[in-house]
Structure formats: C-alpha cells, structure tokens
C-alpha atoms as a PDB file:
ATOM      1  CA  MET A   1      -0.106  -0.321   0.012  1.00  0.00           C
ATOM      2  CA  ALA A   2       2.853   2.724   0.911  1.00  0.00           C
ATOM      3  CA  GLY A   3       3.963   2.021  -3.078  1.00  0.00           C
ATOM      4  CA  PHE A   4       0.256   3.257  -4.176  1.00  0.00           C
ATOM      5  CA  ASP A   5       0.437   6.596  -1.725  1.00  0.00           C
ATOM      6  CA  GLY A   6       3.975   7.456  -3.150  1.00  0.00           C
ATOM      7  CA  GLN A   7       2.662   7.248  -6.561  1.00  0.00           C
ATOM      8  CA  LEU A   8      -0.553   8.901  -5.482  1.00  0.00           C
ATOM      9  CA  ALA A   9       1.436  11.518  -3.568  1.00  0.00           C
ATOM     10  CA  ARG A  10       4.140  11.868  -6.881  1.00  0.00           C
ATOM     11  CA  ALA A  11       0.788  12.449  -9.123  1.00  0.00           C
ATOM     12  CA  GLU A  12      -0.380  15.409  -7.168  1.00  0.00           C
ATOM     13  CA  LEU A  13       2.766  17.020  -7.229  1.00  0.00           C
ATOM     14  CA  ASP A  14       2.815  16.679 -10.555  1.00  0.00           C
ATOM     15  CA  ARG A  15      -0.602  18.312 -11.090  1.00  0.00           C
ATOM     16  CA  SER A  16       0.689  20.894  -8.768  1.00  0.00           C
ATOM     17  CA  LEU A  17       3.605  21.793 -11.033  1.00  0.00           C
ATOM     18  CA  HIS A  18       1.515  22.021 -14.134  1.00  0.00           C
ATOM     19  CA  ARG A  19      -0.965  24.402 -12.373  1.00  0.00           C
ATOM     20  CA  GLU A  20       2.027  26.320 -11.503  1.00  0.00           C
ATOM     21  CA  THR A  21       3.540  26.095 -14.916  1.00  0.00           C
ATOM     22  CA  ILE A  22      -0.060  27.701 -16.193  1.00  0.00           C
ATOM     23  CA  LYS A  23       0.011  30.267 -13.707  1.00  0.00           C
ATOM     24  CA  ALA A  24       3.662  31.590 -14.224  1.00  0.00           C
ATOM     25  CA  ILE A  25       2.839  31.835 -18.218  1.00  0.00           C
ATOM     26  CA  CYS A  26      -0.696  33.473 -17.833  1.00  0.00           C
ATOM     27  CA  ALA A  27       1.021  36.351 -15.502  1.00  0.00           C
ATOM     28  CA  SER A  28       3.226  37.337 -18.202  1.00  0.00           C
ATOM     29  CA  PRO A  29       2.436  40.383 -19.680  1.00  0.00           C
ATOM     30  CA  GLY A  30       2.896  39.518 -23.241  1.00  0.00           C
ATOM     31  CA  VAL A  31       0.070  36.593 -22.776  1.00  0.00           C
ATOM     32  CA  GLU A  32      -2.978  37.635 -24.441  1.00  0.00           C
ATOM     33  CA  MET A  33      -4.996  34.475 -23.942  1.00  0.00           C
ATOM     34  CA  TYR A  34      -4.426  30.943 -23.508  1.00  0.00           C
ATOM     35  CA  ASN A  35      -5.973  27.226 -23.832  1.00  0.00           C
ATOM     36  CA  VAL A  36      -5.000  23.706 -22.648  1.00  0.00           C
ATOM     37  CA  GLY A  37      -5.426  20.757 -24.205  1.00  0.00           C
ATOM     38  CA  PHE A  38      -4.843  17.195 -25.117  1.00  0.00           C
ATOM     39  CA  THR A  39      -3.200  15.665 -28.164  1.00  0.00           C
ATOM     40  CA  ALA A  40      -2.036  12.165 -29.496  1.00  0.00           C
ATOM     41  CA  GLN A  41      -0.153  13.863 -32.342  1.00  0.00           C
ATOM     42  CA  PRO A  42       3.075  14.839 -32.773  1.00  0.00           C
ATOM     43  CA  LEU A  43       4.021  18.613 -31.322  1.00  0.00           C
ATOM     44  CA  VAL A  44       5.086  20.023 -34.404  1.00  0.00           C
ATOM     45  CA  LYS A  45       2.095  18.875 -36.347  1.00  0.00           C
ATOM     46  CA  ARG A  46       0.034  20.239 -33.462  1.00  0.00           C
ATOM     47  CA  GLY A  47       1.597  23.713 -33.141  1.00  0.00           C
ATOM     48  CA  ASP A  48       1.358  23.930 -36.948  1.00  0.00           C
ATOM     49  CA  ALA A  49      -2.980  23.364 -36.326  1.00  0.00           C
ATOM     50  CA  TYR A  50      -2.546  26.250 -33.592  1.00  0.00           C
ATOM     51  CA  ARG A  51      -0.259  28.676 -35.709  1.00  0.00           C
ATOM     52  CA  GLY A  52      -3.264  28.322 -38.404  1.00  0.00           C
ATOM     53  CA  ILE A  53      -5.596  29.963 -35.459  1.00  0.00           C
ATOM     54  CA  LEU A  54      -2.793  32.666 -34.523  1.00  0.00           C
ATOM     55  CA  TYR A  55      -1.644  30.590 -31.491  1.00  0.00           C
ATOM     56  CA  ASN A  56       2.223  30.817 -31.648  1.00  0.00           C
ATOM     57  CA  CYS A  57       3.339  29.529 -28.512  1.00  0.00           C
ATOM     58  CA  LEU A  58       2.812  25.856 -27.018  1.00  0.00           C
ATOM     59  CA  VAL A  59       4.945  24.036 -24.225  1.00  0.00           C
ATOM     60  CA  LEU A  60       3.865  20.204 -23.648  1.00  0.00           C
ATOM     61  CA  LEU A  61       3.223  20.020 -19.712  1.00  0.00           C
ATOM     62  CA  ALA A  62       3.107  16.194 -19.689  1.00  0.00           C
ATOM     63  CA  ASP A  63       3.620  13.599 -21.962  1.00  0.00           C
ATOM     64  CA  LYS A  64       3.867   9.335 -22.737  1.00  0.00           C
ATOM     65  CA  MET A  65       0.334   9.241 -21.356  1.00  0.00           C
ATOM     66  CA  THR A  66      -2.574   6.808 -22.360  1.00  0.00           C
ATOM     67  CA  ARG A  67      -5.601   8.629 -23.674  1.00  0.00           C
ATOM     68  CA  LEU A  68      -7.481   8.224 -20.025  1.00  0.00           C
ATOM     69  CA  ALA A  69      -4.548   9.670 -18.212  1.00  0.00           C
ATOM     70  CA  ALA A  70      -3.936  12.445 -20.814  1.00  0.00           C
ATOM     71  CA  LEU A  71      -7.828  13.216 -20.586  1.00  0.00           C
ATOM     72  CA  ASN A  72      -7.963  12.653 -16.540  1.00  0.00           C
ATOM     73  CA  LEU A  73      -5.192  15.271 -16.135  1.00  0.00           C
ATOM     74  CA  GLU A  74      -6.465  17.773 -18.942  1.00  0.00           C
ATOM     75  CA  ARG A  75      -9.896  18.143 -16.578  1.00  0.00           C
ATOM     76  CA  ARG A  76      -8.075  17.940 -13.199  1.00  0.00           C
ATOM     77  CA  LEU A  77      -6.246  21.161 -14.465  1.00  0.00           C
ATOM     78  CA  TRP A  78      -9.837  22.959 -16.453  1.00  0.00           C
ATOM     79  CA  SER A  79     -11.174  22.190 -12.941  1.00  0.00           C
ATOM     80  CA  ALA A  80      -8.270  23.981 -11.313  1.00  0.00           C
ATOM     81  CA  ILE A  81      -8.498  26.843 -13.739  1.00  0.00           C
ATOM     82  CA  ALA A  82     -12.577  26.954 -13.151  1.00  0.00           C
ATOM     83  CA  ALA A  83     -11.828  27.300  -9.152  1.00  0.00           C
ATOM     84  CA  GLN A  84     -10.152  30.439  -9.564  1.00  0.00           C
ATOM     85  CA  ASP A  85     -10.973  33.892  -8.750  1.00  0.00           C
ATOM     86  CA  LYS A  86     -12.492  35.427 -11.585  1.00  0.00           C
ATOM     87  CA  ARG A  87     -10.333  38.548 -11.634  1.00  0.00           C
ATOM     88  CA  THR A  88      -7.149  36.262 -12.122  1.00  0.00           C
ATOM     89  CA  ALA A  89      -5.256  36.222 -14.738  1.00  0.00           C
ATOM     90  CA  ILE A  90      -5.226  32.424 -14.894  1.00  0.00           C
ATOM     91  CA  TYR A  91      -8.766  32.793 -15.345  1.00  0.00           C
ATOM     92  CA  ARG A  92      -9.156  35.711 -17.332  1.00  0.00           C
ATOM     93  CA  LYS A  93      -7.378  35.053 -19.943  1.00  0.00           C
ATOM     94  CA  CYS A  94      -8.401  31.495 -20.631  1.00  0.00           C
ATOM     95  CA  VAL A  95      -9.478  30.986 -23.667  1.00  0.00           C
ATOM     96  CA  GLN A  96     -13.043  29.432 -22.911  1.00  0.00           C
ATOM     97  CA  SER A  97     -13.002  31.601 -19.283  1.00  0.00           C
ATOM     98  CA  HIS A  98     -17.217  32.325 -20.039  1.00  0.00           C
ATOM     99  CA  GLN A  99     -17.146  28.115 -20.376  1.00  0.00           C
ATOM    100  CA  VAL A 100     -14.295  27.252 -18.345  1.00  0.00           C
ATOM    101  CA  SER A 101     -17.269  25.698 -16.056  1.00  0.00           C
ATOM    102  CA  LYS A 102     -18.244  23.709 -18.544  1.00  0.00           C
ATOM    103  CA  TYR A 103     -15.315  21.464 -19.485  1.00  0.00           C
ATOM    104  CA  SER A 104     -15.614  18.866 -22.300  1.00  0.00           C
ATOM    105  CA  PRO A 105     -12.779  16.808 -23.145  1.00  0.00           C
ATOM    106  CA  SER A 106     -10.471  17.317 -26.500  1.00  0.00           C
ATOM    107  CA  TYR A 107     -10.484  15.423 -29.022  1.00  0.00           C
ATOM    108  CA  GLY A 108      -6.687  15.565 -29.404  1.00  0.00           C
ATOM    109  CA  GLY A 109      -6.545  13.572 -32.575  1.00  0.00           C
ATOM    110  CA  ALA A 110      -6.697  10.219 -30.767  1.00  0.00           C
ATOM    111  CA  SER A 111      -7.843   7.172 -31.903  1.00  0.00           C
ATOM    112  CA  LYS A 112      -9.662   4.590 -29.964  1.00  0.00           C
ATOM    113  CA  GLU A 113      -7.139   1.850 -31.127  1.00  0.00           C
ATOM    114  CA  ARG A 114      -4.290   3.607 -29.462  1.00  0.00           C
ATOM    115  CA  GLU A 115      -5.713   4.829 -26.126  1.00  0.00           C
ATOM    116  CA  ASN A 116      -3.489   2.825 -24.234  1.00  0.00           C
ATOM    117  CA  ASP A 117      -0.391   3.535 -25.877  1.00  0.00           C
ATOM    118  CA  LEU A 118       2.159   6.181 -24.486  1.00  0.00           C
ATOM    119  CA  ILE A 119       1.579   8.732 -26.973  1.00  0.00           C
ATOM    120  CA  HIS A 120      -0.757  11.083 -25.362  1.00  0.00           C
ATOM    121  CA  GLY A 121      -0.011  14.280 -23.793  1.00  0.00           C
ATOM    122  CA  VAL A 122      -0.995  17.662 -22.418  1.00  0.00           C
ATOM    123  CA  TYR A 123      -0.236  20.747 -23.028  1.00  0.00           C
ATOM    124  CA  ILE A 124      -0.694  24.827 -23.329  1.00  0.00           C
ATOM    125  CA  VAL A 125      -1.021  27.321 -25.734  1.00  0.00           C
ATOM    126  CA  TRP A 126      -0.948  30.731 -25.690  1.00  0.00           C
ATOM    127  CA  TRP A 127      -0.960  33.692 -27.958  1.00  0.00           C
ATOM    128  CA  ALA A 128       1.515  36.970 -27.589  1.00  0.00           C
ATOM    129  CA  PRO A 129       1.761  39.338 -29.534  1.00  0.00           C
ATOM    130  CA  TYR A 130       5.357  39.905 -29.370  1.00  0.00           C
ATOM    131  CA  ALA A 131       6.630  36.485 -29.862  1.00  0.00           C
END
C-alpha cells in the first residue's frame, strides 16, 4: 500500500507543478490568451494547427501518457482553472473563460485503437503578440 500512496503523492505533485506552470505563463503581461489541451499528435503537427489560428507558443506539460490519463489530467487542470477567482490572470486569459465551468474533453487527434499507447500528452498553448 505504501507504493500506491507514493504514486498518488507523486501524481498530485505533478498536477501542482502543471498548475504552477500555467499560472507562471499567464502572469506574463505578453500573454493575451491561452488554452489547455490534450493530444496524441506529434507536437510539431499540433503547433502548426494552432499557428493557423494565431496561437504562437506551445509547451508540453506532460507526455507519454495513456489516453485516459491525459484526459484525466486535462480535466483536473480545467477544474483548477475554473476554481480560480475570476479576477486572476489564469481565469481571465483563458480562451474559454466564459465556458470554463462547462468542461468537455478534447478530441486531441487520438484514436480509440491506440488509447493505451503512451503517445498522449497535455499542453498549454498561448498567443503572445510579440513572440
């Protein structure tokens, strides 16, 4: 049982680091808006798709996950964002801040056939006009 407790403690630490990374990025005055998502696509392909709609910065928060683990992390991060004071940058700059309480999982380019493969990840993407 101690091993399982250690895994849970590590998972919570990781989620805390992900939330702090998001907060740090959002605190930058150069960040206008951001989004958090899940993907099974290579980051270059995912980044190209976002650049097509004006997002110019992307950072992988976690990778080498199963589909379910990545979707769970994405959901937990969205829950943490929704729980923020609406006056904070992490809430205000969120692209979906008007919908943040209505979380729906990302599609992320994943297929059901590969849901257990460790190809899934969670990222933050943002638009910075001077990047």
